[in-house]
Amino acid sequence: MKFRLREMRRPHSEALNLCEIYLKKLGGAWFCIGLMADGILRFTSLSERDAKEALSRGIRFLKAWEKPRKAESIPREAEKIFRQMAEAYQGLGVRELPPLAWSELKPFTRKVLRLTLQIPRGCVTSYRLMAKVLGVPRAARAVGVALASNPYPLLIPCHRIVKGDLTLGGYGLGVKIKAEILRREGVSLEEAGKAVKVKPECYLSWERLKRQQSV
């Protein structure tokens, strides 16, 4: 699936460095987004606990020159992003991305996240396989670090990456949320002692992932 990818360059104007923060509760979870003055989405986050946690998870992605300000009302473009996040949270996936701040990410992180966008709903793959497809087969740990730097959880589905043994691995929003979203997306999970594993039939093979990369 192709997505519209727009770059963001660091603006020089103080007004353009302002990041408007929006919070909204939908379907039992608090969602938080940060929008720059030019309409670029700077981050997304969520919490099943409270708005404070959703906010703290989001603003950690801001650079020193980006100044957060909590908005008093929610504009139309923010409402659309909230709907997209809520749909992804319910397991419906994302059909179109809003403009994202790709240039604020490290080059390897951009590669990892763009490949992550190609993993279909209802499927998972592993850190090791991602590294192999990207041409750096020994960089599974670096792939994990890049995914942990994803400022757009739900919109860029890093929850679809698991360990090589098919246990879930980590997730910035919590492993419980990771499991919930995967189940809603149709991924079959099973108990493995104290861990949760993905059933093999939901695992995206190297051949399929490589094919998705070229779609």
Protein backbone atom coordinates (compact mmCIF):
# COMPACT_ATOMS: atom_id res chain seq x y z
CA MET A 1 0.00 0.00 0.00
CA LYS A 2 1.32 3.43 -0.92
CA PHE A 3 1.18 6.34 1.52
CA ARG A 4 1.68 10.04 0.98
CA LEU A 5 5.05 10.88 2.53
CA ARG A 6 5.90 14.53 3.17
CA GLU A 7 9.13 15.79 4.62
CA MET A 8 9.42 18.37 7.40
CA ARG A 9 12.40 20.71 7.68
CA ARG A 10 13.15 22.62 10.86
CA PRO A 11 11.52 26.06 10.48
CA HIS A 12 13.29 29.23 11.53
CA SER A 13 10.21 31.14 12.63
CA GLU A 14 9.33 30.89 16.33
CA ALA A 15 5.65 30.73 15.41
CA LEU A 16 6.25 27.74 13.14
CA ASN A 17 8.14 25.97 15.93
CA LEU A 18 4.98 25.96 18.03
CA CYS A 19 3.43 22.51 18.50
CA GLU A 20 -0.27 22.54 19.33
CA ILE A 21 -1.22 19.68 21.68
CA TYR A 22 -4.66 18.07 21.43
CA LEU A 23 -6.16 15.47 23.77
CA LYS A 24 -9.35 13.49 23.36
CA LYS A 25 -10.93 10.45 25.00
CA LEU A 26 -12.41 7.90 22.60
CA GLY A 27 -13.53 4.34 23.24
CA GLY A 28 -11.99 4.03 26.69
CA ALA A 29 -8.56 5.47 25.80
CA TRP A 30 -6.98 8.91 25.83
CA PHE A 31 -5.43 9.97 22.54
CA CYS A 32 -2.90 12.77 22.17
CA ILE A 33 -1.48 14.39 19.04
CA GLY A 34 0.93 17.24 18.35
CA LEU A 35 0.39 19.38 15.25
CA MET A 36 2.89 21.94 13.98
CA ALA A 37 1.72 25.31 12.65
CA ASP A 38 2.16 24.15 9.04
CA GLY A 39 -0.15 21.15 9.59
CA ILE A 40 2.60 18.53 9.96
CA LEU A 41 1.78 15.84 12.51
CA ARG A 42 4.65 15.77 15.01
CA PHE A 43 3.58 12.84 17.22
CA THR A 44 0.73 10.62 18.33
CA SER A 45 0.27 8.77 21.60
CA LEU A 46 -2.37 7.12 23.71
CA SER A 47 -3.03 5.84 27.19
CA GLU A 48 -5.69 3.58 28.61
CA ARG A 49 -5.01 5.19 32.00
CA ASP A 50 -5.34 8.97 31.73
CA ALA A 51 -4.65 12.11 29.70
CA LYS A 52 -1.49 12.93 31.64
CA GLU A 53 0.17 9.68 30.61
CA ALA A 54 -0.90 10.12 26.98
CA LEU A 55 0.60 13.63 27.00
CA SER A 56 3.91 12.59 28.57
CA ARG A 57 4.29 9.73 26.08
CA GLY A 58 3.86 12.17 23.20
CA ILE A 59 5.82 15.29 24.09
CA ARG A 60 9.02 13.29 24.67
CA PHE A 61 9.39 13.22 20.88
CA LEU A 62 9.64 17.02 20.59
CA LYS A 63 12.98 18.68 19.91
CA ALA A 64 14.34 21.41 22.19
CA TRP A 65 13.28 24.18 19.77
CA GLU A 66 9.72 22.85 19.42
CA LYS A 67 7.45 24.50 21.97
CA PRO A 68 4.32 22.60 23.10
CA ARG A 69 1.08 24.48 23.77
CA LYS A 70 -2.17 22.86 24.78
CA ALA A 71 -4.92 23.93 22.41
CA GLU A 72 -8.31 25.10 23.65
CA SER A 73 -10.37 23.63 20.80
CA ILE A 74 -9.88 20.80 18.31
CA PRO A 75 -9.80 21.78 14.61
CA ARG A 76 -11.10 19.62 11.78
CA GLU A 77 -7.69 18.22 10.77
CA ALA A 78 -7.02 17.11 14.37
CA GLU A 79 -10.45 15.47 14.60
CA LYS A 80 -9.63 13.48 11.46
CA ILE A 81 -6.39 12.21 12.98
CA PHE A 82 -8.20 11.25 16.18
CA ARG A 83 -10.68 9.22 14.12
CA GLN A 84 -7.81 7.49 12.30
CA MET A 85 -6.14 6.65 15.60
CA ALA A 86 -9.35 5.36 17.13
CA GLU A 87 -9.98 3.15 14.11
CA ALA A 88 -6.42 1.77 14.30
CA TYR A 89 -6.86 1.18 18.04
CA GLN A 90 -9.98 -0.86 17.27
CA GLY A 91 -7.99 -2.97 14.81
CA LEU A 92 -9.32 -1.45 11.60
CA GLY A 93 -5.94 -0.26 10.33
CA VAL A 94 -5.01 3.02 8.61
CA ARG A 95 -5.92 3.79 5.01
CA GLU A 96 -4.14 7.14 4.60
CA LEU A 97 -1.45 8.92 6.58
CA PRO A 98 -1.52 12.62 7.37
CA PRO A 99 1.69 14.59 6.60
CA LEU A 100 4.41 13.35 8.99
CA ALA A 101 7.69 14.88 10.18
CA TRP A 102 9.92 12.31 8.46
CA SER A 103 12.98 14.56 8.32
CA GLU A 104 13.05 14.77 12.14
CA LEU A 105 13.89 11.03 12.20
CA LYS A 106 17.27 9.39 11.70
CA PRO A 107 17.75 7.87 8.20
CA PHE A 108 17.74 4.26 9.44
CA THR A 109 14.64 4.91 11.55
CA ARG A 110 12.88 6.27 8.45
CA LYS A 111 13.75 3.10 6.51
CA VAL A 112 12.48 0.87 9.30
CA LEU A 113 9.22 2.77 9.73
CA ARG A 114 8.52 2.93 6.00
CA LEU A 115 8.98 -0.83 5.78
CA THR A 116 6.70 -1.23 8.82
CA LEU A 117 3.95 0.52 6.85
CA GLN A 118 4.03 -2.35 4.35
CA ILE A 119 3.11 -5.05 6.89
CA PRO A 120 -0.56 -5.90 6.29
CA ARG A 121 -3.22 -5.85 8.98
CA GLY A 122 -3.59 -9.34 10.45
CA CYS A 123 0.10 -10.18 9.98
CA VAL A 124 3.31 -9.77 11.97
CA THR A 125 7.00 -10.10 11.24
CA SER A 126 10.17 -10.12 13.35
CA TYR A 127 12.93 -7.64 14.11
CA ARG A 128 15.41 -10.06 12.55
CA LEU A 129 13.45 -10.41 9.33
CA MET A 130 13.03 -6.64 9.05
CA ALA A 131 16.80 -6.27 9.33
CA LYS A 132 17.34 -8.92 6.65
CA VAL A 133 14.96 -7.26 4.19
CA LEU A 134 16.66 -3.91 4.81
CA GLY A 135 20.00 -5.48 3.89
CA VAL A 136 21.51 -5.44 7.38
CA PRO A 137 20.83 -8.98 8.68
CA ARG A 138 22.78 -8.49 11.92
CA ALA A 139 20.94 -5.30 12.87
CA ALA A 140 17.85 -6.77 14.56
CA ARG A 141 18.64 -4.84 17.74
CA ALA A 142 18.97 -1.61 15.74
CA VAL A 143 15.58 -2.29 14.18
CA GLY A 144 14.13 -2.60 17.70
CA VAL A 145 15.70 0.72 18.69
CA ALA A 146 14.28 2.38 15.56
CA LEU A 147 10.80 1.04 16.30
CA ALA A 148 11.05 2.32 19.88
CA SER A 149 11.67 5.76 18.32
CA ASN A 150 8.41 5.64 16.35
CA PRO A 151 6.60 8.92 17.13
CA TYR A 152 3.41 7.65 15.45
CA PRO A 153 2.24 4.47 17.23
CA LEU A 154 -0.97 3.09 15.69
CA LEU A 155 -0.55 5.15 12.50
CA ILE A 156 2.78 3.42 11.80
CA PRO A 157 2.01 -0.10 13.08
CA CYS A 158 5.16 -0.99 15.03
CA HIS A 159 2.95 -3.29 17.13
CA ARG A 160 3.15 -5.73 14.19
CA ILE A 161 6.83 -6.47 14.87
CA VAL A 162 7.57 -9.33 17.28
CA LYS A 163 10.54 -11.41 18.42
CA GLY A 164 11.98 -14.22 16.34
CA ASP A 165 10.38 -16.83 18.65
CA LEU A 166 7.00 -15.12 17.98
CA THR A 167 6.63 -13.77 21.52
CA LEU A 168 5.42 -10.18 21.47
CA GLY A 169 8.53 -8.32 22.61
CA GLY A 170 8.36 -4.74 23.85
CA TYR A 171 6.03 -1.89 22.95
CA GLY A 172 6.17 1.75 24.00
CA LEU A 173 2.46 1.81 24.88
CA GLY A 174 2.68 -1.46 26.83
CA VAL A 175 2.61 -5.13 25.84
CA LYS A 176 -1.03 -5.42 26.99
CA ILE A 177 -2.10 -2.81 24.41
CA LYS A 178 0.09 -4.49 21.78
CA ALA A 179 -1.69 -7.81 22.32
CA GLU A 180 -5.13 -6.16 22.31
CA ILE A 181 -4.54 -4.37 19.01
CA LEU A 182 -3.09 -7.46 17.33
CA ARG A 183 -6.11 -9.52 18.39
CA ARG A 184 -8.48 -6.86 17.03
CA GLU A 185 -6.57 -6.94 13.75
CA GLY A 186 -7.20 -10.67 13.47
CA VAL A 187 -3.82 -11.98 14.63
CA SER A 188 -4.12 -15.29 16.48
CA LEU A 189 -2.31 -15.32 19.83
CA GLU A 190 -1.64 -18.13 22.29
CA GLU A 191 -0.28 -18.39 25.83
CA ALA A 192 3.31 -19.64 26.14
CA GLY A 193 3.97 -19.88 29.86
CA LYS A 194 4.04 -16.30 31.13
CA ALA A 195 4.46 -14.93 27.61
CA VAL A 196 2.06 -14.44 24.71
CA LYS A 197 3.00 -15.74 21.26
CA VAL A 198 1.72 -15.16 17.75
CA LYS A 199 0.57 -18.30 15.98
CA PRO A 200 2.87 -19.17 13.04
CA GLU A 201 0.14 -18.80 10.40
CA CYS A 202 0.11 -15.03 11.05
CA TYR A 203 3.86 -14.63 10.50
CA LEU A 204 4.90 -12.79 7.35
CA SER A 205 7.68 -14.74 5.63
CA TRP A 206 10.80 -13.19 4.12
CA GLU A 207 9.42 -13.72 0.62
CA ARG A 208 6.11 -12.02 1.43
CA LEU A 209 7.75 -9.13 3.29
CA LYS A 210 10.18 -8.58 0.43
CA ARG A 211 7.26 -8.61 -1.99
CA GLN A 212 5.34 -6.11 0.18
CA GLN A 213 8.38 -3.83 0.15
CA SER A 214 8.16 -3.53 -3.62
CA VAL A 215 4.38 -2.91 -3.74
